[in-house]
Amino acid sequence: MSPYPELEPGEWYLLVVCQNCNARHSLFRDLTRGEGRILATYRWTCPDCHHTGEYESEKLERYRHASAK
């Protein structure tokens, strides 16, 4: 399960797309608010299909959750 099952409005997150089922999940908050450079490889298991893979930083997506109105 994603560490942030309920994303907070206006917050930035780093997302991973499963190599097997293409499901998108948040890994963690992006404390750089979309500005920082991340150089890492993440080993992650999809909570949907249970595939475990390695994800280079350039494969991660940055996402800003919509602000509450």
Protein backbone atom coordinates (compact mmCIF):
# COMPACT_ATOMS: atom_id res chain seq x y z
CA MET A 1 0.00 0.00 0.00
CA SER A 2 1.18 3.52 -0.74
CA PRO A 3 2.61 5.41 2.24
CA TYR A 4 0.19 8.24 1.34
CA PRO A 5 -3.18 6.62 0.63
CA GLU A 6 -4.81 10.02 1.04
CA LEU A 7 -2.78 12.68 -0.71
CA GLU A 8 -2.90 16.16 0.80
CA PRO A 9 -4.13 19.03 -1.39
CA GLY A 10 -1.32 21.23 -2.73
CA GLU A 11 1.48 18.85 -1.68
CA TRP A 12 4.12 17.43 -4.04
CA TYR A 13 4.85 13.71 -4.32
CA LEU A 14 7.18 11.37 -6.17
CA LEU A 15 5.26 8.65 -7.98
CA VAL A 16 6.35 5.32 -9.38
CA VAL A 17 4.68 3.49 -12.26
CA CYS A 18 4.77 -0.28 -11.88
CA GLN A 19 6.84 -1.97 -14.60
CA ASN A 20 4.37 -4.86 -14.67
CA CYS A 21 0.82 -3.48 -14.35
CA ASN A 22 1.36 0.29 -14.94
CA ALA A 23 -0.35 1.23 -11.68
CA ARG A 24 0.78 4.60 -10.28
CA HIS A 25 1.61 4.90 -6.58
CA SER A 26 3.18 7.60 -4.43
CA LEU A 27 6.56 6.73 -2.95
CA PHE A 28 6.97 9.74 -0.68
CA ARG A 29 6.49 13.49 -0.45
CA ASP A 30 8.72 15.60 -2.64
CA LEU A 31 10.15 18.02 -0.09
CA THR A 32 11.80 20.01 -2.91
CA ARG A 33 8.32 20.81 -4.27
CA GLY A 34 9.24 19.69 -7.78
CA GLU A 35 12.54 21.58 -7.90
CA GLY A 36 15.18 19.14 -6.64
CA ARG A 37 17.28 16.60 -8.46
CA ILE A 38 17.03 13.03 -7.24
CA LEU A 39 19.83 10.55 -7.89
CA ALA A 40 18.83 7.17 -6.57
CA THR A 41 17.53 3.76 -7.48
CA TYR A 42 14.50 2.50 -5.61
CA ARG A 43 13.55 -1.13 -5.11
CA TRP A 44 9.78 -1.19 -4.82
CA THR A 45 7.03 -3.81 -4.70
CA CYS A 46 3.69 -2.94 -6.26
CA PRO A 47 0.81 -3.37 -3.82
CA ASP A 48 -1.52 -4.25 -6.73
CA CYS A 49 0.34 -7.01 -8.60
CA HIS A 50 3.23 -7.70 -6.15
CA HIS A 51 5.89 -7.20 -8.83
CA THR A 52 9.24 -6.09 -7.38
CA GLY A 53 11.45 -3.94 -9.55
CA GLU A 54 14.21 -1.37 -9.48
CA TYR A 55 13.31 2.16 -10.52
CA GLU A 56 15.90 4.74 -11.50
CA SER A 57 15.22 8.31 -10.40
CA GLU A 58 14.57 9.48 -13.98
CA LYS A 59 11.66 6.99 -14.14
CA LEU A 60 9.89 8.61 -11.18
CA GLU A 61 7.15 11.16 -11.79
CA ARG A 62 6.58 14.35 -9.85
CA TYR A 63 3.01 15.10 -8.97
CA ARG A 64 1.33 18.02 -7.25
CA HIS A 65 -1.99 17.02 -5.80
CA ALA A 66 -4.82 19.39 -6.71
CA SER A 67 -5.53 22.12 -4.20
CA ALA A 68 -8.78 22.05 -2.28
CA LYS A 69 -11.33 24.61 -3.46
